[in-house]
Amino acid sequence: MVSRSLLILFVGFSFFATAQVKWMSFDEALTAQKTSPRSIIVDVYTTWCGPCKMLDKNTFGNAEVSAFINENFYPVKFNAEGNSKVNFNGNVFENPQYDPSRQGRNARHQFTAYLGITGYPTVAFFDENANYLAPIVGYQNVQQMEFYLKLFVSGDYKKFTSQQDFTNYFKNFKAQFKG
């Protein structure tokens, strides 16, 4: 009886342990795209941002969301105020004003500015050729994230010619992820 309980516990932990997005750097995603084209999703966050932590835990921690992302995207986690280097479109983006001794807010990274991102969290989508598609600003729950994930993976966004097209698509979307 004890061994059966341990097996159930182990399987349960294994399920939740696999419910994680396999994050990489932006440079790693661009390199991966060269051999196996896929869209890129970028979680642009800051260390002090409460909604960023909620997005990580509640949305990216959801088994269906993380599995869909891992299967269809190159997922990037990018600190909007961090000190990493990003090589994109022939430019090197850094954060020259980054101060590692600062607690809380830090200077905005050049790549964050290049993307025009001013609010956190923001989820940025790039197509399979690394073209910047759209920033989705703010916390997104599981079903909201599902909408955007499927919109960009399917390529349906290419069919929109007006705001009304988007509105109709949104109204007709049926979320399937639980959470």
Foldseek 3Di string as FASTA:
>chain_A
DVVVVVVVVVVVVVLLVQLAAPADAPVVQLVVLVVPFAKEKEFEAAPQDPLSVCLRCFASSANVNRVLCNVGHHYHYHHQQDADWDQDPNDIKGRVQADPVDDDDGGGTRVCVVLVHDAPGWMWIAGRNRHTDDIDHTRDGHQRSVLVSCCRRVVVVVVDPDPVVVVVSVVPDDGDGDD
